[in-house]
Amino acid sequence: MNRMLVKYALLLSLAVGGAYLGYGIIHKITHKKRVNERVARLPAFRFTDLEGRPFTARHLKNKPTWLLYVDSGCEFCRMELRDIQKHQQQLANVEVVLVSAEDRATLQKFQKEQGFDDLKNFHIVQDKTHECHERLGMVSTPSSLLYDAQGALIQRFSGVVKVEKIVSLLLQNPSML
């Protein structure tokens, strides 16, 4: 009788564990599908600029847009930002939105250190509600979403992406610039 109880307990625990894993996999797939649908076009978002004002997609000027999720302490992010600085001329017609979950004082200091405060097409914004992670699926820094001038997703990137790649993708269709 004890052996039967042990077998049933083992089977029950395997069934419960399998159901839990199955639910987790299905949930993750469903979430990823929803995120992909949400970012297929430049989504509505609400970040905060470094003056404390709301920053939304309406602030962008019908140009290609590069949303770049960064952290000022991330060395990979800094590598990518140095590459962006070297290629500022090639990005003159691209709205570059650097998004971070860091506090405003840290981002203001970072902006001055990096020299981005003079660039009209560069926006450093704070993601107070973690939209990048939760709604846009940007889970690591750096992560990027690149959109054409009409707001259609060209490509998403996880990790460092060279500016040459961004420019190449934009030049594949001259109407994007």
N, C-alpha and C. Protein backbone atom coordinates (compact mmCIF):
# COMPACT_ATOMS: atom_id res chain seq x y z
N MET A 1 0.81 -1.19 0.00
CA MET A 1 0.00 0.00 0.00
C MET A 1 0.87 1.27 0.00
N ASN A 2 1.94 1.29 0.80
CA ASN A 2 2.84 2.44 0.86
C ASN A 2 3.49 2.70 -0.49
N ARG A 3 3.84 1.63 -1.21
CA ARG A 3 4.45 1.80 -2.53
C ARG A 3 3.48 2.48 -3.50
N MET A 4 2.22 2.10 -3.42
CA MET A 4 1.20 2.70 -4.28
C MET A 4 1.04 4.19 -3.99
N LEU A 5 1.05 4.57 -2.72
CA LEU A 5 0.94 5.97 -2.34
C LEU A 5 2.13 6.78 -2.84
N VAL A 6 3.31 6.19 -2.74
CA VAL A 6 4.53 6.85 -3.20
C VAL A 6 4.46 7.05 -4.71
N LYS A 7 4.00 6.03 -5.45
CA LYS A 7 3.88 6.13 -6.90
C LYS A 7 2.87 7.21 -7.28
N TYR A 8 1.72 7.24 -6.60
CA TYR A 8 0.70 8.25 -6.89
C TYR A 8 1.21 9.65 -6.55
N ALA A 9 1.90 9.77 -5.46
CA ALA A 9 2.46 11.06 -5.07
C ALA A 9 3.48 11.54 -6.10
N LEU A 10 4.32 10.61 -6.56
CA LEU A 10 5.32 10.93 -7.58
C LEU A 10 4.64 11.34 -8.89
N LEU A 11 3.64 10.59 -9.32
CA LEU A 11 2.92 10.92 -10.54
C LEU A 11 2.20 12.27 -10.43
N LEU A 12 1.61 12.51 -9.28
CA LEU A 12 0.92 13.77 -9.06
C LEU A 12 1.90 14.94 -9.11
N SER A 13 3.04 14.79 -8.47
CA SER A 13 4.02 15.87 -8.46
C SER A 13 4.59 16.10 -9.87
N LEU A 14 4.79 15.03 -10.64
CA LEU A 14 5.24 15.18 -12.02
C LEU A 14 4.19 15.88 -12.86
N ALA A 15 2.92 15.53 -12.68
CA ALA A 15 1.84 16.16 -13.42
C ALA A 15 1.74 17.64 -13.09
N VAL A 16 1.80 17.97 -11.81
CA VAL A 16 1.73 19.38 -11.39
C VAL A 16 2.93 20.15 -11.93
N GLY A 17 4.11 19.57 -11.80
CA GLY A 17 5.33 20.23 -12.31
C GLY A 17 5.26 20.43 -13.82
N GLY A 18 4.79 19.42 -14.54
CA GLY A 18 4.66 19.53 -16.00
C GLY A 18 3.66 20.61 -16.38
N ALA A 19 2.54 20.66 -15.67
CA ALA A 19 1.52 21.68 -15.94
C ALA A 19 2.09 23.08 -15.68
N TYR A 20 2.85 23.23 -14.61
CA TYR A 20 3.45 24.52 -14.27
C TYR A 20 4.43 24.94 -15.37
N LEU A 21 5.30 24.02 -15.79
CA LEU A 21 6.26 24.34 -16.85
C LEU A 21 5.54 24.67 -18.16
N GLY A 22 4.52 23.88 -18.48
CA GLY A 22 3.75 24.13 -19.69
C GLY A 22 3.10 25.50 -19.68
N TYR A 23 2.51 25.86 -18.56
CA TYR A 23 1.88 27.17 -18.41
C TYR A 23 2.94 28.27 -18.60
N GLY A 24 4.10 28.09 -17.99
CA GLY A 24 5.17 29.09 -18.11
C GLY A 24 5.62 29.28 -19.55
N ILE A 25 5.76 28.18 -20.27
CA ILE A 25 6.18 28.26 -21.67
C ILE A 25 5.12 28.95 -22.52
N ILE A 26 3.87 28.55 -22.34
CA ILE A 26 2.78 29.16 -23.10
C ILE A 26 2.65 30.65 -22.78
N HIS A 27 2.77 30.98 -21.50
CA HIS A 27 2.69 32.39 -21.09
C HIS A 27 3.81 33.20 -21.75
N LYS A 28 5.01 32.67 -21.76
CA LYS A 28 6.15 33.37 -22.34
C LYS A 28 5.97 33.57 -23.85
N ILE A 29 5.50 32.54 -24.53
CA ILE A 29 5.27 32.64 -25.98
C ILE A 29 4.19 33.66 -26.27
N THR A 30 3.11 33.63 -25.52
CA THR A 30 2.01 34.57 -25.70
C THR A 30 2.48 36.00 -25.45
N HIS A 31 3.25 36.21 -24.39
CA HIS A 31 3.76 37.54 -24.07
C HIS A 31 4.66 38.04 -25.20
N LYS A 32 5.53 37.19 -25.70
CA LYS A 32 6.44 37.58 -26.76
C LYS A 32 5.66 37.96 -28.02
N LYS A 33 4.61 37.20 -28.33
CA LYS A 33 3.78 37.50 -29.49
C LYS A 33 3.10 38.86 -29.33
N ARG A 34 2.57 39.13 -28.15
CA ARG A 34 1.92 40.43 -27.89
C ARG A 34 2.90 41.59 -28.03
N VAL A 35 4.11 41.39 -27.49
CA VAL A 35 5.13 42.43 -27.60
C VAL A 35 5.47 42.67 -29.06
N ASN A 36 5.67 41.60 -29.83
CA ASN A 36 6.00 41.76 -31.26
C ASN A 36 4.90 42.51 -32.00
N GLU A 37 3.65 42.21 -31.68
CA GLU A 37 2.53 42.94 -32.30
C GLU A 37 2.55 44.40 -31.89
N ARG A 38 2.86 44.66 -30.64
CA ARG A 38 2.85 46.02 -30.08
C ARG A 38 3.96 46.88 -30.70
N VAL A 39 5.11 46.28 -31.01
CA VAL A 39 6.24 47.07 -31.52
C VAL A 39 6.36 47.04 -33.04
N ALA A 40 5.45 46.36 -33.73
CA ALA A 40 5.51 46.30 -35.20
C ALA A 40 5.39 47.70 -35.81
N ARG A 41 4.70 48.58 -35.13
CA ARG A 41 4.62 50.00 -35.48
C ARG A 41 5.12 50.77 -34.27
N LEU A 42 5.64 51.95 -34.50
CA LEU A 42 6.14 52.77 -33.38
C LEU A 42 5.01 52.92 -32.38
N PRO A 43 5.16 52.33 -31.20
CA PRO A 43 4.05 52.35 -30.23
C PRO A 43 3.93 53.68 -29.50
N ALA A 44 2.75 53.90 -28.97
CA ALA A 44 2.56 55.03 -28.08
C ALA A 44 3.39 54.74 -26.82
N PHE A 45 4.08 55.73 -26.34
CA PHE A 45 4.85 55.57 -25.12
C PHE A 45 4.81 56.89 -24.36
N ARG A 46 5.17 56.82 -23.11
CA ARG A 46 5.22 58.02 -22.28
C ARG A 46 6.44 57.91 -21.37
N PHE A 47 7.47 58.64 -21.75
CA PHE A 47 8.67 58.72 -20.94
C PHE A 47 8.72 60.12 -20.33
N THR A 48 9.79 60.42 -19.61
CA THR A 48 9.96 61.74 -19.00
C THR A 48 11.28 62.32 -19.48
N ASP A 49 11.25 63.55 -20.02
CA ASP A 49 12.50 64.15 -20.47
C ASP A 49 13.31 64.63 -19.26
N LEU A 50 14.48 65.15 -19.51
CA LEU A 50 15.37 65.53 -18.41
C LEU A 50 14.96 66.82 -17.71
N GLU A 51 13.91 67.45 -18.22
CA GLU A 51 13.33 68.62 -17.55
C GLU A 51 12.13 68.21 -16.70
N GLY A 52 11.78 66.92 -16.73
CA GLY A 52 10.64 66.43 -15.95
C GLY A 52 9.32 66.46 -16.70
N ARG A 53 9.36 66.80 -17.99
CA ARG A 53 8.13 66.87 -18.79
C ARG A 53 7.89 65.54 -19.50
N PRO A 54 6.63 65.26 -19.84
CA PRO A 54 6.33 64.04 -20.59
C PRO A 54 6.99 64.08 -21.97
N PHE A 55 7.46 62.93 -22.43
CA PHE A 55 8.04 62.78 -23.77
C PHE A 55 7.31 61.61 -24.41
N THR A 56 6.63 61.88 -25.53
CA THR A 56 5.85 60.84 -26.21
C THR A 56 6.27 60.76 -27.67
N ALA A 57 5.69 59.82 -28.39
CA ALA A 57 5.99 59.65 -29.82
C ALA A 57 5.63 60.91 -30.61
N ARG A 58 4.72 61.73 -30.10
CA ARG A 58 4.34 62.96 -30.80
C ARG A 58 5.50 63.96 -30.86
N HIS A 59 6.50 63.80 -30.00
CA HIS A 59 7.66 64.70 -30.02
C HIS A 59 8.61 64.37 -31.17
N LEU A 60 8.43 63.25 -31.81
CA LEU A 60 9.30 62.83 -32.90
C LEU A 60 8.80 63.43 -34.21
N LYS A 61 9.71 63.63 -35.15
CA LYS A 61 9.39 64.42 -36.35
C LYS A 61 9.32 63.58 -37.63
N ASN A 62 8.47 62.59 -37.72
CA ASN A 62 8.30 61.80 -38.94
C ASN A 62 9.62 61.47 -39.63
N LYS A 63 10.58 61.07 -38.83
CA LYS A 63 11.89 60.65 -39.32
C LYS A 63 12.10 59.22 -38.85
N PRO A 64 13.08 58.54 -39.43
CA PRO A 64 13.42 57.24 -38.83
C PRO A 64 13.74 57.45 -37.35
N THR A 65 13.36 56.49 -36.53
CA THR A 65 13.54 56.59 -35.08
C THR A 65 14.27 55.38 -34.56
N TRP A 66 15.26 55.64 -33.73
CA TRP A 66 16.04 54.58 -33.10
C TRP A 66 15.81 54.71 -31.60
N LEU A 67 15.00 53.80 -31.04
CA LEU A 67 14.82 53.73 -29.59
C LEU A 67 15.93 52.84 -29.04
N LEU A 68 16.71 53.38 -28.13
CA LEU A 68 17.86 52.66 -27.59
C LEU A 68 17.77 52.65 -26.07
N TYR A 69 17.56 51.47 -25.51
CA TYR A 69 17.44 51.29 -24.06
C TYR A 69 18.83 51.10 -23.49
N VAL A 70 19.25 52.02 -22.61
CA VAL A 70 20.63 52.03 -22.10
C VAL A 70 20.66 52.19 -20.59
N ASP A 71 21.83 51.97 -20.06
CA ASP A 71 22.14 52.24 -18.65
C ASP A 71 23.51 52.91 -18.65
N SER A 72 23.63 54.04 -17.99
CA SER A 72 24.88 54.81 -18.05
C SER A 72 26.08 54.05 -17.48
N GLY A 73 25.85 53.08 -16.63
CA GLY A 73 26.95 52.31 -16.06
C GLY A 73 27.32 51.08 -16.87
N CYS A 74 26.59 50.79 -17.92
CA CYS A 74 26.81 49.61 -18.75
C CYS A 74 27.93 49.88 -19.76
N GLU A 75 29.00 49.12 -19.69
CA GLU A 75 30.12 49.35 -20.60
C GLU A 75 29.75 49.09 -22.05
N PHE A 76 28.88 48.11 -22.30
CA PHE A 76 28.44 47.85 -23.67
C PHE A 76 27.63 49.03 -24.20
N CYS A 77 26.81 49.62 -23.34
CA CYS A 77 26.04 50.81 -23.73
C CYS A 77 26.99 51.96 -24.06
N ARG A 78 28.00 52.13 -23.25
CA ARG A 78 28.96 53.21 -23.49
C ARG A 78 29.71 52.99 -24.80
N MET A 79 30.03 51.72 -25.11
CA MET A 79 30.67 51.41 -26.39
C MET A 79 29.79 51.85 -27.55
N GLU A 80 28.51 51.49 -27.46
CA GLU A 80 27.57 51.84 -28.52
C GLU A 80 27.41 53.36 -28.62
N LEU A 81 27.36 54.05 -27.49
CA LEU A 81 27.21 55.50 -27.51
C LEU A 81 28.44 56.19 -28.08
N ARG A 82 29.64 55.65 -27.82
CA ARG A 82 30.85 56.20 -28.44
C ARG A 82 30.78 56.05 -29.96
N ASP A 83 30.26 54.91 -30.43
CA ASP A 83 30.09 54.67 -31.86
C ASP A 83 29.09 55.67 -32.44
N ILE A 84 28.02 55.94 -31.72
CA ILE A 84 27.02 56.91 -32.17
C ILE A 84 27.65 58.29 -32.29
N GLN A 85 28.47 58.67 -31.30
CA GLN A 85 29.11 59.99 -31.34
C GLN A 85 30.02 60.13 -32.56
N LYS A 86 30.72 59.05 -32.91
CA LYS A 86 31.62 59.08 -34.07
C LYS A 86 30.85 59.25 -35.38
N HIS A 87 29.59 58.85 -35.38
CA HIS A 87 28.80 58.85 -36.61
C HIS A 87 27.60 59.81 -36.54
N GLN A 88 27.77 60.90 -35.81
CA GLN A 88 26.66 61.85 -35.64
C GLN A 88 26.15 62.37 -36.98
N GLN A 89 27.07 62.64 -37.93
CA GLN A 89 26.65 63.17 -39.23
C GLN A 89 25.75 62.19 -39.97
N GLN A 90 26.06 60.89 -39.90
CA GLN A 90 25.26 59.89 -40.59
C GLN A 90 23.89 59.71 -39.95
N LEU A 91 23.75 60.12 -38.71
CA LEU A 91 22.49 59.99 -37.98
C LEU A 91 21.71 61.30 -37.91
N ALA A 92 22.13 62.29 -38.68
CA ALA A 92 21.50 63.61 -38.60
C ALA A 92 20.00 63.56 -38.91
N ASN A 93 19.55 62.64 -39.74
CA ASN A 93 18.14 62.54 -40.10
C ASN A 93 17.41 61.44 -39.34
N VAL A 94 17.98 61.02 -38.23
CA VAL A 94 17.39 59.96 -37.41
C VAL A 94 17.10 60.52 -36.02
N GLU A 95 15.89 60.28 -35.53
CA GLU A 95 15.57 60.65 -34.15
C GLU A 95 16.12 59.53 -33.26
N VAL A 96 17.11 59.84 -32.44
CA VAL A 96 17.72 58.87 -31.54
C VAL A 96 17.19 59.14 -30.13
N VAL A 97 16.48 58.16 -29.58
CA VAL A 97 15.89 58.31 -28.26
C VAL A 97 16.59 57.34 -27.32
N LEU A 98 17.42 57.88 -26.44
CA LEU A 98 18.11 57.07 -25.45
C LEU A 98 17.20 56.99 -24.23
N VAL A 99 16.78 55.78 -23.90
CA VAL A 99 15.84 55.56 -22.81
C VAL A 99 16.55 54.83 -21.69
N SER A 100 16.34 55.28 -20.45
CA SER A 100 16.96 54.64 -19.30
C SER A 100 16.00 54.66 -18.12
N ALA A 101 16.11 53.66 -17.28
CA ALA A 101 15.29 53.61 -16.07
C ALA A 101 15.99 54.32 -14.90
N GLU A 102 17.14 54.90 -15.16
CA GLU A 102 17.89 55.58 -14.10
C GLU A 102 17.21 56.89 -13.69
N ASP A 103 17.63 57.42 -12.54
CA ASP A 103 17.03 58.66 -12.05
C ASP A 103 17.50 59.85 -12.88
N ARG A 104 16.73 60.91 -12.82
CA ARG A 104 16.95 62.10 -13.66
C ARG A 104 18.32 62.72 -13.43
N ALA A 105 18.77 62.84 -12.17
CA ALA A 105 20.08 63.46 -11.89
C ALA A 105 21.21 62.67 -12.55
N THR A 106 21.15 61.36 -12.49
CA THR A 106 22.17 60.51 -13.12
C THR A 106 22.16 60.73 -14.63
N LEU A 107 20.98 60.80 -15.22
CA LEU A 107 20.87 60.98 -16.67
C LEU A 107 21.32 62.37 -17.10
N GLN A 108 21.05 63.39 -16.29
CA GLN A 108 21.51 64.74 -16.62
C GLN A 108 23.04 64.80 -16.61
N LYS A 109 23.63 64.19 -15.61
CA LYS A 109 25.09 64.14 -15.52
C LYS A 109 25.67 63.38 -16.71
N PHE A 110 25.04 62.28 -17.04
CA PHE A 110 25.47 61.44 -18.17
C PHE A 110 25.38 62.23 -19.48
N GLN A 111 24.31 62.98 -19.67
CA GLN A 111 24.13 63.77 -20.88
C GLN A 111 25.26 64.78 -21.04
N LYS A 112 25.61 65.46 -19.96
CA LYS A 112 26.69 66.45 -20.02
C LYS A 112 28.03 65.78 -20.28
N GLU A 113 28.30 64.65 -19.61
CA GLU A 113 29.56 63.93 -19.82
C GLU A 113 29.71 63.47 -21.26
N GLN A 114 28.62 63.02 -21.86
CA GLN A 114 28.67 62.47 -23.21
C GLN A 114 28.58 63.54 -24.30
N GLY A 115 28.17 64.75 -23.94
CA GLY A 115 28.07 65.83 -24.92
C GLY A 115 26.87 65.72 -25.83
N PHE A 116 25.81 65.06 -25.37
CA PHE A 116 24.61 64.91 -26.19
C PHE A 116 23.65 66.09 -26.06
N ASP A 117 23.92 67.02 -25.16
CA ASP A 117 22.96 68.09 -24.91
C ASP A 117 22.84 69.08 -26.07
N ASP A 118 23.80 69.10 -27.00
CA ASP A 118 23.75 70.03 -28.13
C ASP A 118 23.09 69.44 -29.37
N LEU A 119 22.78 68.18 -29.36
CA LEU A 119 22.24 67.52 -30.55
C LEU A 119 20.72 67.56 -30.55
N LYS A 120 20.14 68.16 -31.59
CA LYS A 120 18.69 68.34 -31.66
C LYS A 120 17.94 67.03 -31.89
N ASN A 121 18.57 66.06 -32.53
CA ASN A 121 17.88 64.80 -32.84
C ASN A 121 18.14 63.72 -31.79
N PHE A 122 18.83 64.08 -30.71
CA PHE A 122 19.09 63.14 -29.60
C PHE A 122 18.23 63.52 -28.42
N HIS A 123 17.57 62.52 -27.87
CA HIS A 123 16.71 62.74 -26.72
C HIS A 123 17.09 61.71 -25.66
N ILE A 124 17.40 62.18 -24.47
CA ILE A 124 17.64 61.25 -23.37
C ILE A 124 16.43 61.36 -22.46
N VAL A 125 15.78 60.23 -22.24
CA VAL A 125 14.54 60.24 -21.47
C VAL A 125 14.57 59.15 -20.40
N GLN A 126 13.77 59.38 -19.40
CA GLN A 126 13.67 58.47 -18.26
C GLN A 126 12.43 57.60 -18.40
N ASP A 127 12.62 56.32 -18.16
CA ASP A 127 11.53 55.35 -18.22
C ASP A 127 11.12 55.01 -16.79
N LYS A 128 10.28 55.87 -16.21
CA LYS A 128 9.88 55.70 -14.81
C LYS A 128 8.99 54.49 -14.58
N THR A 129 8.22 54.11 -15.60
CA THR A 129 7.24 53.02 -15.43
C THR A 129 7.70 51.71 -16.04
N HIS A 130 8.94 51.65 -16.48
CA HIS A 130 9.54 50.43 -17.05
C HIS A 130 8.81 49.93 -18.29
N GLU A 131 8.37 50.88 -19.13
CA GLU A 131 7.70 50.53 -20.38
C GLU A 131 8.60 49.75 -21.31
N CYS A 132 9.89 50.12 -21.35
CA CYS A 132 10.81 49.42 -22.26
C CYS A 132 10.81 47.93 -21.97
N HIS A 133 10.88 47.60 -20.71
CA HIS A 133 10.94 46.19 -20.33
C HIS A 133 9.58 45.53 -20.48
N GLU A 134 8.56 46.10 -19.91
CA GLU A 134 7.26 45.44 -19.83
C GLU A 134 6.45 45.51 -21.12
N ARG A 135 6.42 46.67 -21.78
CA ARG A 135 5.57 46.82 -22.97
C ARG A 135 6.33 46.61 -24.27
N LEU A 136 7.62 46.98 -24.29
CA LEU A 136 8.38 46.94 -25.53
C LEU A 136 9.32 45.74 -25.62
N GLY A 137 9.40 44.95 -24.56
CA GLY A 137 10.21 43.73 -24.59
C GLY A 137 11.71 43.95 -24.62
N MET A 138 12.16 45.11 -24.19
CA MET A 138 13.59 45.40 -24.15
C MET A 138 14.09 45.01 -22.76
N VAL A 139 14.68 43.83 -22.67
CA VAL A 139 15.00 43.29 -21.35
C VAL A 139 16.47 43.43 -20.97
N SER A 140 17.32 43.75 -21.93
CA SER A 140 18.74 43.91 -21.59
C SER A 140 19.22 45.26 -22.12
N THR A 141 20.33 45.71 -21.56
CA THR A 141 20.94 46.94 -22.05
C THR A 141 22.26 46.58 -22.71
N PRO A 142 22.52 47.14 -23.87
CA PRO A 142 21.62 47.93 -24.69
C PRO A 142 20.65 47.05 -25.49
N SER A 143 19.49 47.59 -25.76
CA SER A 143 18.50 47.00 -26.65
C SER A 143 17.98 48.10 -27.55
N SER A 144 17.61 47.76 -28.78
CA SER A 144 17.18 48.77 -29.74
C SER A 144 15.96 48.34 -30.54
N LEU A 145 15.19 49.34 -30.90
CA LEU A 145 14.11 49.19 -31.87
C LEU A 145 14.34 50.26 -32.92
N LEU A 146 14.43 49.87 -34.18
CA LEU A 146 14.68 50.81 -35.27
C LEU A 146 13.44 50.88 -36.15
N TYR A 147 12.91 52.10 -36.34
CA TYR A 147 11.70 52.33 -37.12
C TYR A 147 12.00 53.22 -38.31
N ASP A 148 11.26 53.01 -39.40
CA ASP A 148 11.39 53.90 -40.55
C ASP A 148 10.59 55.17 -40.31
N ALA A 149 10.63 56.09 -41.26
CA ALA A 149 9.97 57.39 -41.10
C ALA A 149 8.45 57.26 -40.99
N GLN A 150 7.89 56.15 -41.48
CA GLN A 150 6.45 55.93 -41.38
C GLN A 150 6.07 55.18 -40.10
N GLY A 151 7.04 54.87 -39.27
CA GLY A 151 6.76 54.21 -37.99
C GLY A 151 6.70 52.70 -38.04
N ALA A 152 7.13 52.09 -39.14
CA ALA A 152 7.16 50.62 -39.24
C ALA A 152 8.48 50.10 -38.69
N LEU A 153 8.42 49.03 -37.93
CA LEU A 153 9.63 48.43 -37.36
C LEU A 153 10.51 47.89 -38.49
N ILE A 154 11.76 48.30 -38.49
CA ILE A 154 12.73 47.76 -39.44
C ILE A 154 13.38 46.54 -38.83
N GLN A 155 13.88 46.72 -37.59
CA GLN A 155 14.54 45.61 -36.91
C GLN A 155 14.68 45.93 -35.43
N ARG A 156 14.73 44.85 -34.64
CA ARG A 156 15.01 44.99 -33.21
C ARG A 156 16.35 44.33 -32.95
N PHE A 157 17.06 44.87 -31.96
CA PHE A 157 18.38 44.36 -31.61
C PHE A 157 18.46 44.17 -30.10
N SER A 158 19.13 43.14 -29.69
CA SER A 158 19.44 42.93 -28.28
C SER A 158 20.95 42.88 -28.20
N GLY A 159 21.53 43.81 -27.47
CA GLY A 159 22.98 43.91 -27.41
C GLY A 159 23.47 45.06 -28.28
N VAL A 160 24.77 45.19 -28.36
CA VAL A 160 25.40 46.28 -29.11
C VAL A 160 25.14 46.11 -30.60
N VAL A 161 24.81 47.20 -31.26
CA VAL A 161 24.67 47.21 -32.72
C VAL A 161 25.52 48.36 -33.25
N LYS A 162 26.26 48.09 -34.27
CA LYS A 162 27.12 49.12 -34.87
C LYS A 162 26.27 50.13 -35.63
N VAL A 163 26.67 51.39 -35.58
CA VAL A 163 25.96 52.44 -36.29
C VAL A 163 25.95 52.15 -37.79
N GLU A 164 27.01 51.55 -38.30
CA GLU A 164 27.06 51.20 -39.72
C GLU A 164 25.90 50.29 -40.10
N LYS A 165 25.52 49.38 -39.23
CA LYS A 165 24.39 48.49 -39.46
C LYS A 165 23.09 49.28 -39.52
N ILE A 166 22.92 50.21 -38.60
CA ILE A 166 21.72 51.05 -38.58
C ILE A 166 21.63 51.86 -39.87
N VAL A 167 22.72 52.51 -40.25
CA VAL A 167 22.74 53.33 -41.46
C VAL A 167 22.49 52.45 -42.69
N SER A 168 23.09 51.28 -42.73
CA SER A 168 22.89 50.35 -43.84
C SER A 168 21.42 49.96 -43.98
N LEU A 169 20.77 49.64 -42.87
CA LEU A 169 19.35 49.29 -42.91
C LEU A 169 18.50 50.45 -43.41
N LEU A 170 18.84 51.66 -42.99
CA LEU A 170 18.09 52.84 -43.42
C LEU A 170 18.32 53.14 -44.90
N LEU A 171 19.53 52.91 -45.38
CA LEU A 171 19.85 53.21 -46.78
C LEU A 171 19.31 52.17 -47.75
N GLN A 172 18.93 51.00 -47.25
CA GLN A 172 18.37 49.98 -48.13
C GLN A 172 17.09 50.47 -48.78
N ASN A 173 16.44 51.41 -48.16
CA ASN A 173 15.23 52.00 -48.71
C ASN A 173 15.37 53.52 -48.56
N PRO A 174 15.86 54.20 -49.59
CA PRO A 174 16.10 55.65 -49.48
C PRO A 174 14.89 56.46 -49.05
N SER A 175 13.68 55.95 -49.25
CA SER A 175 12.50 56.71 -48.84
C SER A 175 12.41 56.79 -47.32
N MET A 176 13.21 55.97 -46.62
CA MET A 176 13.18 55.99 -45.16
C MET A 176 13.88 57.22 -44.60
N LEU A 177 14.77 57.79 -45.37
CA LEU A 177 15.55 58.94 -44.88
C LEU A 177 14.95 60.27 -45.20
